[in-house]
Amino acid sequence: MDLFVCEICNKENIDKSCSISILDVHICNLCLESIVETQIGTLKYGYYKMLIKKMWGDYIIAKC
């Protein structure tokens, strides 16, 4: 059984059905729900936006 670690909260998630994999990064359902429910313009929104940009940059660098 594979072990997945959430990139945002660093919690280990054994059940793949309780997470999503985007750009070779795993995000648990709790963090995904938090991202989806975050209001635009809040501090939390800025944090998630920066984190997703970092994930995208890491993905591009790894694929080059």
C-alpha atoms as a PDB file:
ATOM      1  CA  MET A   1       0.000   0.000   0.000  1.00  0.00           C
ATOM      2  CA  ASP A   2       1.373   3.400  -0.971  1.00  0.00           C
ATOM      3  CA  LEU A   3       1.665   6.175   1.583  1.00  0.00           C
ATOM      4  CA  PHE A   4       0.761   9.663   0.448  1.00  0.00           C
ATOM      5  CA  VAL A   5       1.788  12.819   2.319  1.00  0.00           C
ATOM      6  CA  CYS A   6      -0.242  16.004   1.858  1.00  0.00           C
ATOM      7  CA  GLU A   7       1.945  18.803   0.490  1.00  0.00           C
ATOM      8  CA  ILE A   8       0.009  21.418   2.468  1.00  0.00           C
ATOM      9  CA  CYS A   9      -0.538  19.959   5.953  1.00  0.00           C
ATOM     10  CA  ASN A  10       2.087  17.154   5.819  1.00  0.00           C
ATOM     11  CA  LYS A  11      -0.391  14.591   7.142  1.00  0.00           C
ATOM     12  CA  GLU A  12       0.136  11.038   5.987  1.00  0.00           C
ATOM     13  CA  ASN A  13      -2.759   9.588   4.026  1.00  0.00           C
ATOM     14  CA  ILE A  14      -2.768   5.874   3.283  1.00  0.00           C
ATOM     15  CA  ASP A  15      -6.074   5.880   1.381  1.00  0.00           C
ATOM     16  CA  LYS A  16      -5.547   7.348  -2.100  1.00  0.00           C
ATOM     17  CA  SER A  17      -9.312   7.847  -2.457  1.00  0.00           C
ATOM     18  CA  CYS A  18      -9.105  10.496   0.313  1.00  0.00           C
ATOM     19  CA  SER A  19      -6.648  12.682  -1.592  1.00  0.00           C
ATOM     20  CA  ILE A  20      -6.007  14.240  -4.981  1.00  0.00           C
ATOM     21  CA  SER A  21      -2.792  14.254  -6.955  1.00  0.00           C
ATOM     22  CA  ILE A  22      -2.016  17.394  -8.970  1.00  0.00           C
ATOM     23  CA  LEU A  23       1.314  18.065 -10.702  1.00  0.00           C
ATOM     24  CA  ASP A  24       2.863  15.040  -8.941  1.00  0.00           C
ATOM     25  CA  VAL A  25       1.832  16.510  -5.560  1.00  0.00           C
ATOM     26  CA  HIS A  26      -0.685  14.982  -3.163  1.00  0.00           C
ATOM     27  CA  ILE A  27      -3.302  17.089  -1.364  1.00  0.00           C
ATOM     28  CA  CYS A  28      -5.658  15.575   1.219  1.00  0.00           C
ATOM     29  CA  ASN A  29      -9.404  16.145   1.024  1.00  0.00           C
ATOM     30  CA  LEU A  30      -9.427  18.401   4.093  1.00  0.00           C
ATOM     31  CA  CYS A  31      -6.899  20.782   2.539  1.00  0.00           C
ATOM     32  CA  LEU A  32      -8.624  20.610  -0.838  1.00  0.00           C
ATOM     33  CA  GLU A  33     -11.940  21.570   0.779  1.00  0.00           C
ATOM     34  CA  SER A  34     -10.223  24.446   2.564  1.00  0.00           C
ATOM     35  CA  ILE A  35      -8.753  25.709  -0.739  1.00  0.00           C
ATOM     36  CA  VAL A  36     -12.113  25.506  -2.488  1.00  0.00           C
ATOM     37  CA  GLU A  37     -13.964  27.325   0.313  1.00  0.00           C
ATOM     38  CA  THR A  38     -11.408  30.143   0.720  1.00  0.00           C
ATOM     39  CA  GLN A  39     -12.696  33.600  -0.175  1.00  0.00           C
ATOM     40  CA  ILE A  40     -10.795  35.615  -2.777  1.00  0.00           C
ATOM     41  CA  GLY A  41      -8.853  38.490  -1.262  1.00  0.00           C
ATOM     42  CA  THR A  42      -8.248  36.879   2.135  1.00  0.00           C
ATOM     43  CA  LEU A  43      -4.812  36.191   3.573  1.00  0.00           C
ATOM     44  CA  LYS A  44      -5.484  32.462   3.294  1.00  0.00           C
ATOM     45  CA  TYR A  45      -6.243  32.916  -0.434  1.00  0.00           C
ATOM     46  CA  GLY A  46      -2.881  34.607  -0.951  1.00  0.00           C
ATOM     47  CA  TYR A  47      -1.148  31.770   0.889  1.00  0.00           C
ATOM     48  CA  TYR A  48      -2.788  29.071  -1.232  1.00  0.00           C
ATOM     49  CA  LYS A  49      -2.089  31.046  -4.410  1.00  0.00           C
ATOM     50  CA  MET A  50       1.612  31.295  -3.515  1.00  0.00           C
ATOM     51  CA  LEU A  51       1.740  27.603  -2.605  1.00  0.00           C
ATOM     52  CA  ILE A  52       0.164  26.527  -5.904  1.00  0.00           C
ATOM     53  CA  LYS A  53       2.602  28.759  -7.837  1.00  0.00           C
ATOM     54  CA  LYS A  54       5.474  27.058  -5.988  1.00  0.00           C
ATOM     55  CA  MET A  55       4.081  23.602  -6.832  1.00  0.00           C
ATOM     56  CA  TRP A  56       3.773  24.627 -10.489  1.00  0.00           C
ATOM     57  CA  GLY A  57       7.349  25.949 -10.547  1.00  0.00           C
ATOM     58  CA  ASP A  58       8.709  22.801  -8.886  1.00  0.00           C
ATOM     59  CA  TYR A  59       6.814  20.667 -11.403  1.00  0.00           C
ATOM     60  CA  ILE A  60       8.197  22.597 -14.393  1.00  0.00           C
ATOM     61  CA  ILE A  61      11.764  22.423 -13.043  1.00  0.00           C
ATOM     62  CA  ALA A  62      11.487  18.676 -12.399  1.00  0.00           C
ATOM     63  CA  LYS A  63      10.208  18.026 -15.939  1.00  0.00           C
ATOM     64  CA  CYS A  64      12.982  19.996 -17.677  1.00  0.00           C
END
